[in-house]
N, C-alpha and C. Protein backbone atom coordinates (compact mmCIF):
# COMPACT_ATOMS: atom_id res chain seq x y z
N MET A 1 -10.42 13.25 -14.31
CA MET A 1 -9.97 12.08 -13.06
C MET A 1 -7.97 11.63 -13.12
N LYS A 2 -7.16 11.73 -12.16
CA LYS A 2 -6.12 11.20 -12.42
C LYS A 2 -6.00 9.76 -12.40
N LYS A 3 -4.99 9.40 -13.27
CA LYS A 3 -4.84 7.96 -13.52
C LYS A 3 -3.87 7.21 -12.78
N ILE A 4 -4.43 6.26 -11.89
CA ILE A 4 -3.58 5.82 -10.69
C ILE A 4 -3.14 4.30 -11.15
N ALA A 5 -1.82 3.64 -11.06
CA ALA A 5 -1.40 2.32 -11.54
C ALA A 5 -1.83 1.48 -10.07
N VAL A 6 -2.68 0.53 -10.41
CA VAL A 6 -3.01 -0.50 -9.36
C VAL A 6 -2.79 -1.50 -9.27
N THR A 7 -1.65 -2.37 -8.57
CA THR A 7 -1.35 -3.39 -8.40
C THR A 7 -2.16 -4.54 -7.80
N GLN A 8 -2.20 -5.80 -8.47
CA GLN A 8 -2.65 -6.85 -7.85
C GLN A 8 -2.51 -8.23 -7.32
N ARG A 9 -2.98 -8.93 -6.58
CA ARG A 9 -2.58 -9.84 -5.77
C ARG A 9 -2.87 -11.33 -6.99
N VAL A 10 -1.91 -11.93 -6.66
CA VAL A 10 -1.95 -13.58 -7.36
C VAL A 10 -2.60 -14.47 -6.65
N SER A 11 -3.32 -15.00 -7.79
CA SER A 11 -4.56 -16.10 -6.67
C SER A 11 -4.18 -17.16 -7.75
N GLU A 12 -3.95 -18.49 -6.89
CA GLU A 12 -3.53 -19.68 -7.64
C GLU A 12 -5.17 -20.63 -7.51
N GLU A 13 -5.83 -21.08 -8.83
CA GLU A 13 -7.10 -21.71 -8.91
C GLU A 13 -6.45 -22.88 -9.46
N SER A 14 -6.39 -23.70 -8.68
CA SER A 14 -6.07 -25.17 -8.94
C SER A 14 -6.59 -25.82 -9.65
N SER A 15 -8.34 -25.97 -9.62
CA SER A 15 -9.03 -26.15 -10.20
C SER A 15 -9.26 -25.91 -11.64
N TYR A 16 -8.83 -25.02 -12.07
CA TYR A 16 -8.75 -24.62 -13.41
C TYR A 16 -7.30 -24.52 -14.05
N ARG A 17 -6.08 -24.76 -13.30
CA ARG A 17 -4.87 -24.91 -13.46
C ARG A 17 -4.57 -23.57 -13.77
N GLU A 18 -4.92 -22.18 -13.40
CA GLU A 18 -4.92 -21.01 -13.57
C GLU A 18 -4.13 -20.54 -12.47
N ARG A 19 -3.40 -19.62 -12.80
CA ARG A 19 -2.54 -18.51 -11.83
C ARG A 19 -3.30 -17.27 -12.32
N ARG A 20 -3.86 -16.41 -11.45
CA ARG A 20 -4.56 -15.24 -11.86
C ARG A 20 -4.03 -13.87 -10.81
N ASP A 21 -4.38 -12.72 -11.86
CA ASP A 21 -4.14 -11.70 -11.14
C ASP A 21 -5.65 -11.23 -10.59
N ALA A 22 -5.51 -10.30 -9.26
CA ALA A 22 -6.77 -10.59 -8.83
C ALA A 22 -7.05 -9.10 -8.24
N LEU A 23 -8.09 -8.58 -8.06
CA LEU A 23 -8.23 -7.36 -7.03
C LEU A 23 -9.80 -7.12 -6.42
N ASP A 24 -9.79 -6.83 -5.50
CA ASP A 24 -11.33 -6.88 -4.64
C ASP A 24 -11.69 -5.91 -5.45
N GLN A 25 -13.15 -5.92 -5.55
CA GLN A 25 -13.81 -4.81 -6.70
C GLN A 25 -14.20 -3.85 -5.71
N ARG A 26 -14.37 -3.46 -4.49
CA ARG A 26 -14.06 -2.61 -3.85
C ARG A 26 -12.96 -1.41 -3.85
N TRP A 27 -12.08 -1.91 -4.50
CA TRP A 27 -11.07 -0.94 -4.67
C TRP A 27 -11.51 0.13 -5.87
N ILE A 28 -12.19 -0.30 -6.64
CA ILE A 28 -12.68 0.32 -8.11
C ILE A 28 -13.60 1.39 -7.02
N ASP A 29 -14.46 1.03 -6.27
CA ASP A 29 -15.45 1.94 -5.94
C ASP A 29 -14.84 3.03 -5.08
N PHE A 30 -14.13 2.58 -4.43
CA PHE A 30 -13.21 3.41 -3.41
C PHE A 30 -12.44 4.53 -4.28
N LEU A 31 -11.86 4.23 -5.01
CA LEU A 31 -11.13 5.30 -5.95
C LEU A 31 -11.83 5.89 -6.56
N LEU A 32 -12.87 5.34 -7.28
CA LEU A 32 -13.89 6.56 -8.14
C LEU A 32 -14.32 7.57 -7.32
N SER A 33 -14.49 7.18 -5.66
CA SER A 33 -15.36 7.78 -4.79
C SER A 33 -14.20 8.92 -4.48
N VAL A 34 -12.91 8.83 -4.69
CA VAL A 34 -11.72 9.86 -4.67
C VAL A 34 -11.48 10.61 -5.62
N GLY A 35 -12.05 10.43 -6.63
CA GLY A 35 -11.85 10.93 -8.02
C GLY A 35 -10.47 10.52 -8.62
N LEU A 36 -10.10 9.34 -8.67
CA LEU A 36 -9.01 8.87 -8.94
C LEU A 36 -9.62 7.51 -10.15
N PHE A 37 -8.61 7.38 -10.78
CA PHE A 37 -9.52 6.13 -12.20
C PHE A 37 -8.15 5.27 -11.96
N PRO A 38 -8.70 3.76 -11.63
CA PRO A 38 -7.36 2.87 -11.45
C PRO A 38 -7.17 2.15 -13.08
N VAL A 39 -5.89 2.46 -12.98
CA VAL A 39 -5.36 1.46 -14.02
C VAL A 39 -4.79 0.19 -13.36
N LEU A 40 -5.25 -1.05 -13.93
CA LEU A 40 -4.83 -2.49 -13.31
C LEU A 40 -3.73 -3.11 -14.09
N ILE A 41 -2.81 -3.12 -12.98
CA ILE A 41 -1.53 -3.75 -13.45
C ILE A 41 -1.09 -4.93 -13.19
N PRO A 42 -0.87 -5.80 -14.28
CA PRO A 42 -0.89 -7.23 -14.32
C PRO A 42 0.37 -7.53 -13.66
N ASN A 43 0.68 -9.24 -13.29
CA ASN A 43 2.14 -9.47 -12.65
C ASN A 43 2.94 -9.67 -13.56
N HIS A 44 3.18 -9.02 -14.86
CA HIS A 44 3.96 -9.64 -15.76
C HIS A 44 5.00 -8.50 -16.17
N LEU A 45 6.40 -8.49 -15.54
CA LEU A 45 7.38 -7.47 -15.26
C LEU A 45 7.76 -6.88 -16.94
N ALA A 46 7.76 -8.05 -18.12
CA ALA A 46 8.10 -7.22 -19.32
C ALA A 46 7.10 -6.45 -19.82
N PHE A 47 6.13 -6.69 -19.35
CA PHE A 47 4.93 -6.03 -20.09
C PHE A 47 4.42 -4.69 -19.34
N VAL A 48 5.24 -4.78 -17.91
CA VAL A 48 4.78 -3.31 -17.10
C VAL A 48 5.84 -2.61 -17.74
N GLU A 49 6.89 -3.30 -18.10
CA GLU A 49 8.10 -2.19 -18.30
C GLU A 49 7.93 -1.56 -19.62
N ALA A 50 7.49 -2.29 -20.71
CA ALA A 50 7.22 -1.79 -22.18
C ALA A 50 5.60 -0.55 -21.97
N MET A 51 4.89 -1.08 -20.93
CA MET A 51 3.54 -0.27 -21.29
C MET A 51 3.46 1.23 -20.43
N ILE A 52 4.60 1.32 -18.76
CA ILE A 52 3.91 2.07 -18.19
C ILE A 52 4.38 3.48 -18.44
N GLU A 53 5.70 3.62 -19.31
CA GLU A 53 5.97 4.96 -19.78
C GLU A 53 4.94 5.61 -20.39
N GLY A 54 3.89 5.03 -21.41
CA GLY A 54 2.84 5.76 -22.03
C GLY A 54 1.55 5.49 -21.67
N SER A 55 1.53 5.01 -20.56
CA SER A 55 0.16 4.73 -20.12
C SER A 55 -0.59 5.91 -19.20
N GLY A 56 0.07 7.19 -18.95
CA GLY A 56 -0.31 8.22 -18.34
C GLY A 56 -0.49 8.43 -17.02
N VAL A 57 -0.21 7.64 -16.19
CA VAL A 57 -0.19 7.13 -14.64
C VAL A 57 0.36 8.36 -13.97
N GLN A 58 -0.33 8.94 -12.94
CA GLN A 58 0.37 9.81 -12.21
C GLN A 58 0.28 9.59 -10.79
N GLY A 59 0.10 8.09 -10.59
CA GLY A 59 0.38 7.94 -9.08
C GLY A 59 0.31 6.30 -9.18
N ILE A 60 1.14 5.90 -8.00
CA ILE A 60 1.33 4.52 -7.85
C ILE A 60 0.61 3.68 -6.43
N LEU A 61 -0.45 2.71 -6.67
CA LEU A 61 -1.39 2.17 -5.51
C LEU A 61 -0.48 0.49 -5.32
N LEU A 62 0.11 0.44 -4.40
CA LEU A 62 0.54 -0.95 -4.16
C LEU A 62 -0.72 -1.52 -2.91
N THR A 63 -1.53 -2.39 -3.44
CA THR A 63 -2.56 -3.27 -2.61
C THR A 63 -2.03 -4.47 -1.77
N GLY A 64 -3.09 -4.77 -1.37
CA GLY A 64 -2.65 -5.58 -0.34
C GLY A 64 -2.82 -7.39 -0.64
N GLY A 65 -2.44 -8.16 -0.07
CA GLY A 65 -2.64 -9.79 -0.36
C GLY A 65 -1.17 -10.09 -0.79
N ASN A 66 -0.89 -11.29 -0.67
CA ASN A 66 0.19 -12.28 -0.77
C ASN A 66 1.53 -11.54 0.10
N SER A 67 1.81 -12.55 1.01
CA SER A 67 3.46 -12.26 1.48
C SER A 67 4.18 -11.76 0.73
N LEU A 68 5.36 -10.98 0.87
CA LEU A 68 6.83 -10.84 0.41
C LEU A 68 7.26 -12.41 0.07
N CYS A 69 7.87 -12.47 -0.87
CA CYS A 69 8.82 -13.95 -0.96
C CYS A 69 9.76 -14.17 0.12
N LYS A 70 10.50 -13.08 0.53
CA LYS A 70 11.24 -12.88 1.81
C LYS A 70 10.79 -13.55 2.70
N TYR A 71 9.24 -13.30 3.20
CA TYR A 71 8.55 -13.77 4.15
C TYR A 71 7.63 -15.00 3.94
N GLY A 72 7.90 -15.72 2.98
CA GLY A 72 7.31 -16.86 3.21
C GLY A 72 5.88 -16.77 1.84
N GLY A 73 6.04 -15.63 1.03
CA GLY A 73 5.17 -15.68 0.04
C GLY A 73 5.45 -16.35 -1.15
N GLU A 74 4.51 -16.65 -2.13
CA GLU A 74 4.92 -17.20 -3.40
C GLU A 74 4.72 -16.38 -4.74
N ALA A 75 4.70 -15.45 -4.62
CA ALA A 75 4.22 -14.23 -5.75
C ALA A 75 5.45 -13.58 -6.16
N LYS A 76 6.52 -14.12 -6.51
CA LYS A 76 7.88 -13.75 -6.99
C LYS A 76 7.50 -12.47 -8.39
N GLU A 77 6.62 -12.84 -9.33
CA GLU A 77 6.18 -12.00 -10.07
C GLU A 77 5.48 -10.71 -9.84
N ARG A 78 4.70 -10.80 -8.70
CA ARG A 78 4.60 -9.46 -7.91
C ARG A 78 5.48 -8.64 -7.41
N ASP A 79 6.52 -9.20 -6.75
CA ASP A 79 7.59 -8.95 -5.95
C ASP A 79 8.17 -7.92 -7.10
N GLN A 80 8.57 -8.54 -8.07
CA GLN A 80 9.37 -7.82 -9.10
C GLN A 80 8.55 -6.86 -9.72
N VAL A 81 7.27 -6.79 -10.14
CA VAL A 81 6.50 -5.89 -10.60
C VAL A 81 6.30 -4.81 -10.00
N GLU A 82 6.28 -4.78 -8.64
CA GLU A 82 5.59 -3.80 -7.55
C GLU A 82 7.25 -2.79 -7.12
N LYS A 83 8.23 -3.73 -7.09
CA LYS A 83 9.60 -3.22 -6.76
C LYS A 83 10.14 -2.08 -8.16
N TYR A 84 9.74 -2.83 -9.48
CA TYR A 84 10.04 -2.16 -10.56
C TYR A 84 9.12 -0.87 -10.45
N LEU A 85 8.00 -0.62 -10.42
CA LEU A 85 6.94 0.40 -9.98
C LEU A 85 7.21 1.45 -9.05
N LEU A 86 7.68 1.05 -7.59
CA LEU A 86 8.09 1.77 -7.08
C LEU A 86 9.63 2.52 -7.49
N GLU A 87 10.58 1.90 -8.08
CA GLU A 87 11.59 2.58 -8.46
C GLU A 87 11.33 3.33 -9.78
N TRP A 88 10.23 3.12 -10.29
CA TRP A 88 10.26 4.03 -11.60
C TRP A 88 9.53 5.23 -11.21
N SER A 89 8.69 5.26 -10.11
CA SER A 89 7.84 6.35 -9.50
C SER A 89 8.59 7.46 -8.83
N MET A 90 9.75 6.71 -8.53
CA MET A 90 10.42 7.79 -7.95
C MET A 90 11.38 8.45 -8.80
N LYS A 91 11.83 7.66 -9.68
CA LYS A 91 12.57 8.14 -10.81
C LYS A 91 11.78 9.45 -11.12
N LYS A 92 9.97 9.49 -11.76
CA LYS A 92 9.60 10.34 -12.39
C LYS A 92 8.71 11.32 -10.87
N ASP A 93 9.16 11.08 -9.64
CA ASP A 93 8.60 11.73 -8.51
C ASP A 93 6.98 11.83 -8.60
N LEU A 94 6.52 10.52 -8.73
CA LEU A 94 5.16 10.17 -8.78
C LEU A 94 4.53 10.34 -7.28
N PRO A 95 3.55 10.00 -6.57
CA PRO A 95 3.21 9.63 -5.66
C PRO A 95 3.09 8.34 -5.47
N VAL A 96 3.32 7.58 -4.36
CA VAL A 96 3.30 6.00 -4.12
C VAL A 96 2.82 6.04 -2.93
N LEU A 97 1.37 5.30 -2.62
CA LEU A 97 1.23 4.62 -1.39
C LEU A 97 0.74 2.90 -1.56
N GLY A 98 1.66 2.82 -0.24
CA GLY A 98 1.27 1.15 -0.12
C GLY A 98 0.55 0.80 0.65
N VAL A 99 -0.70 0.13 0.68
CA VAL A 99 -1.31 -0.48 1.61
C VAL A 99 -1.38 -1.81 1.95
N CYS A 100 -1.24 -2.18 3.29
CA CYS A 100 -0.84 -3.24 4.11
C CYS A 100 0.50 -4.06 3.50
N ARG A 101 0.37 -5.14 2.65
CA ARG A 101 1.63 -5.73 1.85
C ARG A 101 1.84 -4.64 0.99
N GLY A 102 1.54 -3.72 0.74
CA GLY A 102 1.81 -2.57 -0.23
C GLY A 102 3.26 -1.73 0.69
N MET A 103 2.62 -1.48 1.97
CA MET A 103 3.41 -0.82 3.11
C MET A 103 4.67 -1.78 3.43
N GLN A 104 4.41 -3.05 3.69
CA GLN A 104 5.71 -4.10 3.75
C GLN A 104 6.61 -3.82 2.78
N LEU A 105 6.01 -3.89 1.56
CA LEU A 105 6.99 -3.74 0.60
C LEU A 105 7.59 -2.66 0.66
N VAL A 106 7.24 -1.47 0.73
CA VAL A 106 8.25 -0.26 0.89
C VAL A 106 9.00 -0.81 2.29
N GLN A 107 8.47 -0.88 3.04
CA GLN A 107 9.25 -1.03 4.36
C GLN A 107 10.61 -1.81 4.03
N ASP A 108 10.59 -3.30 3.53
CA ASP A 108 11.24 -3.91 2.77
C ASP A 108 12.35 -3.24 2.11
N PHE A 109 11.82 -2.46 1.04
CA PHE A 109 12.78 -2.24 0.17
C PHE A 109 13.81 -1.20 0.57
N PHE A 110 13.11 -0.29 1.48
CA PHE A 110 14.28 0.59 2.36
C PHE A 110 14.73 0.03 3.66
N GLY A 111 15.20 -1.13 3.64
CA GLY A 111 16.06 -1.84 4.57
C GLY A 111 15.01 -1.83 5.93
N ASN A 112 14.03 -1.98 6.24
CA ASN A 112 13.34 -1.88 7.30
C ASN A 112 12.79 -3.54 7.45
N GLU A 113 13.57 -4.49 8.11
CA GLU A 113 12.93 -5.64 8.53
C GLU A 113 11.84 -5.79 9.18
N LEU A 114 10.92 -6.62 8.67
CA LEU A 114 9.42 -7.39 9.12
C LEU A 114 9.68 -8.15 10.16
N ASN A 115 8.70 -8.47 11.13
CA ASN A 115 8.33 -9.57 12.13
C ASN A 115 7.17 -9.85 12.33
N PRO A 116 6.82 -11.07 12.62
CA PRO A 116 5.38 -11.40 13.06
C PRO A 116 5.06 -10.42 14.13
N VAL A 117 3.77 -10.17 13.80
CA VAL A 117 3.13 -9.45 14.98
C VAL A 117 1.83 -10.07 15.29
N ASP A 118 1.33 -10.00 16.55
CA ASP A 118 0.14 -10.88 16.93
C ASP A 118 -1.01 -9.46 17.39
N GLY A 119 -2.25 -10.07 17.12
CA GLY A 119 -3.63 -9.27 17.18
C GLY A 119 -3.60 -8.42 16.23
N HIS A 120 -3.12 -8.50 15.16
CA HIS A 120 -3.54 -7.53 13.99
C HIS A 120 -4.21 -7.89 12.78
N VAL A 121 -4.51 -9.19 12.75
CA VAL A 121 -5.35 -9.67 11.75
C VAL A 121 -6.74 -9.74 12.40
N GLY A 122 -7.83 -9.30 11.34
CA GLY A 122 -9.37 -9.13 11.68
C GLY A 122 -9.43 -8.25 12.88
N ALA A 123 -8.61 -6.81 12.92
CA ALA A 123 -8.55 -6.06 14.63
C ALA A 123 -8.82 -4.73 14.22
N ARG A 124 -9.33 -3.95 14.88
CA ARG A 124 -9.11 -2.44 14.96
C ARG A 124 -8.41 -1.75 16.11
N HIS A 125 -7.52 -1.05 15.34
CA HIS A 125 -6.34 -0.16 16.36
C HIS A 125 -6.94 1.29 16.61
N GLU A 126 -6.80 2.07 17.66
CA GLU A 126 -6.40 3.41 17.74
C GLU A 126 -4.89 3.70 17.13
N LEU A 127 -4.88 4.86 17.07
CA LEU A 127 -3.37 5.30 16.27
C LEU A 127 -3.08 6.36 17.22
N SER A 128 -1.54 5.87 17.41
CA SER A 128 -0.77 7.03 18.30
C SER A 128 0.10 7.80 16.68
N ILE A 129 -0.68 8.91 17.06
CA ILE A 129 0.26 9.95 15.72
C ILE A 129 1.35 10.47 16.13
N VAL A 130 2.37 10.42 14.96
CA VAL A 130 3.85 10.99 15.49
C VAL A 130 3.77 12.11 14.63
N GLU A 131 3.90 13.41 15.58
CA GLU A 131 3.70 14.66 15.41
C GLU A 131 4.92 15.51 14.23
N GLY A 132 4.73 15.95 13.26
CA GLY A 132 5.58 16.68 12.23
C GLY A 132 5.86 16.06 10.99
N ARG A 133 5.07 15.08 10.95
CA ARG A 133 5.45 14.40 9.70
C ARG A 133 4.40 15.22 8.42
N HIS A 134 4.34 14.68 7.25
CA HIS A 134 3.48 15.15 6.49
C HIS A 134 2.04 14.85 6.61
N LEU A 135 2.20 13.55 7.14
CA LEU A 135 0.72 12.77 7.02
C LEU A 135 -0.12 13.30 8.33
N SER A 136 0.69 13.77 9.35
CA SER A 136 0.22 13.71 10.62
C SER A 136 -1.41 14.54 10.94
N ASP A 137 -1.44 15.90 10.20
CA ASP A 137 -2.86 16.11 10.51
C ASP A 137 -3.59 15.63 9.74
N VAL A 138 -3.67 14.65 8.66
CA VAL A 138 -4.69 14.12 8.09
C VAL A 138 -5.03 12.89 8.99
N LEU A 139 -3.96 12.16 9.58
CA LEU A 139 -3.96 11.11 10.11
C LEU A 139 -4.73 11.24 11.58
N THR A 140 -4.62 12.11 12.06
CA THR A 140 -5.12 13.01 13.50
C THR A 140 -6.29 12.49 13.39
N LYS A 141 -7.17 12.62 12.15
CA LYS A 141 -8.71 13.10 12.14
C LYS A 141 -9.35 11.31 12.27
N LEU A 142 -8.57 10.31 12.14
CA LEU A 142 -9.11 8.88 12.30
C LEU A 142 -9.07 8.54 13.80
N ALA A 143 -10.43 8.15 13.80
CA ALA A 143 -10.55 7.45 15.32
C ALA A 143 -10.06 6.08 15.32
N SER A 144 -10.31 4.90 14.36
CA SER A 144 -9.60 4.06 14.35
C SER A 144 -9.07 3.32 12.88
N VAL A 145 -8.52 2.44 13.01
CA VAL A 145 -8.57 1.62 11.69
C VAL A 145 -8.34 0.47 11.61
N ASN A 146 -8.94 -0.69 10.42
CA ASN A 146 -8.84 -1.99 10.66
C ASN A 146 -7.45 -2.40 10.35
N SER A 147 -7.24 -3.61 10.38
CA SER A 147 -6.03 -4.25 10.23
C SER A 147 -5.93 -5.71 10.02
N TYR A 148 -5.17 -6.28 9.15
CA TYR A 148 -5.30 -7.53 8.70
C TYR A 148 -4.18 -8.40 8.21
N HIS A 149 -3.03 -7.63 8.84
CA HIS A 149 -1.74 -7.99 8.16
C HIS A 149 -1.16 -9.17 9.86
N GLU A 150 0.32 -9.92 9.22
CA GLU A 150 0.38 -10.69 10.22
C GLU A 150 1.94 -10.13 9.95
N TYR A 151 2.32 -9.55 9.53
CA TYR A 151 3.87 -8.55 9.44
C TYR A 151 3.79 -7.44 9.62
N GLY A 152 4.85 -6.76 10.35
CA GLY A 152 5.06 -5.55 10.68
C GLY A 152 6.26 -5.20 11.42
N THR A 153 6.59 -4.04 11.73
CA THR A 153 8.04 -3.63 12.52
C THR A 153 7.62 -2.53 13.65
N LYS A 154 8.55 -2.47 14.56
CA LYS A 154 8.19 -1.30 15.54
C LYS A 154 9.07 -0.23 15.57
N VAL A 155 9.85 -0.75 14.74
CA VAL A 155 11.42 0.22 14.49
C VAL A 155 11.43 0.84 12.86
N VAL A 156 10.97 1.78 12.63
CA VAL A 156 11.41 2.35 11.77
C VAL A 156 12.60 3.25 11.31
N SER A 157 13.30 3.00 10.46
CA SER A 157 14.76 3.70 10.33
C SER A 157 15.38 4.06 8.81
N GLY A 158 16.19 4.69 8.33
CA GLY A 158 16.96 4.83 7.17
C GLY A 158 15.83 6.32 6.69
N GLU A 159 15.52 5.58 5.17
CA GLU A 159 14.85 6.91 4.47
C GLU A 159 13.41 6.88 4.97
N LEU A 160 13.09 6.01 5.66
CA LEU A 160 11.76 6.38 6.29
C LEU A 160 11.49 6.80 7.45
N ALA A 161 10.67 7.41 7.87
CA ALA A 161 10.06 7.83 9.35
C ALA A 161 8.51 7.09 9.54
N ALA A 162 8.55 7.01 10.68
CA ALA A 162 6.86 6.54 11.06
C ALA A 162 6.14 7.67 11.19
N CYS A 163 4.85 7.76 11.18
CA CYS A 163 3.72 8.60 10.99
C CYS A 163 2.80 7.94 12.05
N ALA A 164 2.32 6.88 12.13
CA ALA A 164 1.62 6.61 13.28
C ALA A 164 1.95 5.40 13.93
N HIS A 165 1.37 4.89 15.19
CA HIS A 165 1.76 3.46 15.21
C HIS A 165 0.34 3.36 16.27
N SER A 166 -0.01 1.92 16.15
CA SER A 166 -0.79 1.28 16.91
C SER A 166 -0.64 1.41 18.48
N LEU A 167 -1.51 1.26 19.56
CA LEU A 167 -1.15 1.44 21.08
C LEU A 167 0.03 0.33 21.42
N ASP A 168 0.15 -0.96 20.51
CA ASP A 168 1.00 -1.64 20.84
C ASP A 168 2.62 -1.51 20.30
N GLY A 169 2.39 -0.69 19.57
CA GLY A 169 3.68 0.14 19.00
C GLY A 169 4.21 -0.53 17.76
N VAL A 170 3.39 -0.99 16.99
CA VAL A 170 3.64 -1.50 15.64
C VAL A 170 3.24 -0.26 14.85
N ALA A 171 4.36 0.06 13.71
CA ALA A 171 4.17 1.21 12.54
C ALA A 171 2.57 0.99 11.88
N MET A 172 2.16 1.74 11.86
CA MET A 172 0.60 1.68 10.92
C MET A 172 0.79 2.72 9.81
N ALA A 173 1.73 3.56 9.63
CA ALA A 173 1.89 4.59 8.73
C ALA A 173 3.39 5.13 8.41
N VAL A 174 3.90 5.28 7.57
CA VAL A 174 5.04 5.72 7.19
C VAL A 174 5.07 6.76 6.35
N GLU A 175 6.37 7.50 5.96
CA GLU A 175 6.42 8.25 4.99
C GLU A 175 8.16 8.41 4.75
N HIS A 176 8.35 8.34 3.32
CA HIS A 176 9.97 8.48 3.17
C HIS A 176 10.47 9.88 3.64
N VAL A 177 11.53 10.02 3.86
CA VAL A 177 11.96 11.41 4.53
C VAL A 177 11.85 12.83 3.56
N SER A 178 12.06 12.28 2.31
CA SER A 178 12.16 13.33 0.96
C SER A 178 11.66 13.15 -0.17
N ARG A 179 10.87 11.69 -0.25
CA ARG A 179 10.38 11.55 -1.36
C ARG A 179 8.66 11.40 -1.26
N ARG A 180 7.93 11.21 -2.48
CA ARG A 180 6.15 11.12 -2.17
C ARG A 180 6.11 9.64 -2.08
N VAL A 181 6.59 8.89 -1.37
CA VAL A 181 6.30 7.70 -0.67
C VAL A 181 5.58 7.46 0.41
N TYR A 182 4.22 6.98 0.65
CA TYR A 182 3.96 6.57 2.11
C TYR A 182 3.57 5.26 2.05
N GLY A 183 2.90 4.72 3.26
CA GLY A 183 2.51 3.41 3.22
C GLY A 183 1.64 3.28 4.72
N VAL A 184 0.37 3.01 4.71
CA VAL A 184 -0.53 2.45 5.53
C VAL A 184 -0.63 1.12 5.69
N MET A 185 -1.47 0.63 7.12
CA MET A 185 -1.41 -0.73 7.03
C MET A 185 -2.90 -1.44 7.16
N TRP A 186 -3.68 -0.36 6.79
CA TRP A 186 -5.39 -0.33 6.79
C TRP A 186 -5.98 -0.48 5.63
N HIS A 187 -6.82 -1.44 5.45
CA HIS A 187 -8.08 -1.28 3.95
C HIS A 187 -8.95 -0.18 4.22
N SER A 188 -8.68 0.76 3.49
CA SER A 188 -9.94 1.81 3.48
C SER A 188 -11.32 1.41 2.63
N GLU A 189 -10.72 0.26 1.32
CA GLU A 189 -11.42 0.04 0.61
C GLU A 189 -12.33 -1.03 1.38
N ARG A 190 -12.24 -1.58 2.43
CA ARG A 190 -12.82 -2.67 3.61
C ARG A 190 -14.10 -1.76 4.27
N GLU A 191 -14.09 -0.91 4.22
CA GLU A 191 -14.79 0.03 5.08
C GLU A 191 -16.28 -0.15 4.35
N SER A 192 -17.20 -0.02 5.08
CA SER A 192 -18.68 -0.07 4.60
C SER A 192 -19.60 0.89 5.64
N PRO A 193 -19.95 2.14 5.52
CA PRO A 193 -19.74 2.45 4.15
C PRO A 193 -17.99 3.24 4.28
N PHE A 194 -17.42 4.21 3.11
CA PHE A 194 -16.46 4.21 2.94
C PHE A 194 -16.33 5.31 4.36
N VAL A 195 -15.29 5.61 4.55
CA VAL A 195 -14.93 6.69 5.88
C VAL A 195 -14.20 7.84 5.14
N LYS A 196 -15.17 9.16 5.45
CA LYS A 196 -14.28 9.97 4.59
C LYS A 196 -12.99 10.66 5.37
N GLU A 197 -12.56 10.26 6.47
CA GLU A 197 -11.34 10.60 6.85
C GLU A 197 -10.24 10.08 6.24
N GLU A 198 -10.62 8.68 5.99
CA GLU A 198 -9.64 7.56 5.19
C GLU A 198 -9.60 8.32 3.75
N GLN A 199 -10.48 8.32 3.18
CA GLN A 199 -10.74 9.32 1.84
C GLN A 199 -9.59 10.53 1.53
N GLU A 200 -9.77 10.97 3.07
CA GLU A 200 -8.99 12.51 2.51
C GLU A 200 -7.42 12.13 2.47
N VAL A 201 -6.90 10.66 3.28
CA VAL A 201 -5.72 10.23 2.86
C VAL A 201 -5.35 10.44 1.72
N PHE A 202 -6.33 9.77 0.75
CA PHE A 202 -6.09 9.31 -0.32
C PHE A 202 -5.85 10.65 -1.19
N ASN A 203 -6.65 11.77 -0.93
CA ASN A 203 -6.67 13.04 -1.45
C ASN A 203 -5.36 13.37 -1.05
N TYR A 204 -5.01 13.53 0.07
CA TYR A 204 -3.86 14.22 0.09
C TYR A 204 -2.33 13.63 -0.57
N ILE A 205 -2.49 12.34 -0.49
CA ILE A 205 -1.32 12.01 -1.08
C ILE A 205 -1.38 11.85 -3.16
N PHE A 206 -2.82 11.88 -3.08
CA PHE A 206 -2.63 12.04 -4.48
C PHE A 206 -3.05 12.96 -5.43
N LYS A 207 -3.55 13.99 -4.60
CA LYS A 207 -4.32 15.01 -5.18
C LYS A 207 -3.44 16.56 -4.77
């Protein structure tokens, strides 16, 4: 199995006076279902800098949860770790997939400003596919996708290109014009049962 570095959300547990890293357990089942071995990454920059070179990971998954600090979030340590992993993966020419918040981080990293969007929390969306992108053929197979995000953009520019939009014009998938960096705004791990066509997206990106 390919090892994939998987980032985690930051969760405050005030009753225990703890600040925790957390990951939906469904991610483990989903990644194993597509033959990927998850390596969970703590939100501790110095540790990640020391361990990542010898970790043997062959790709990066930036998961959902926590808004970016730039947009009102309070997980500065996560922003730092994920930005570092994105930069590191590009130096190593490893594939990166950002999911929901992860795609927002990719968009922000490459200078695409995010804005509040309506009707994208707890909703399903059909996709309008942009032809000629690397992801175009595999995304065409998706009938609809879930969404749980409060921020997005209708304008994708610079080093990123839109691969798909919701019917109200919000970018739902992006890819870098020359690097193996991708983003999607839906949560494949939350589907029950898992959707074969969404599993194919992960197979395309990581395999």
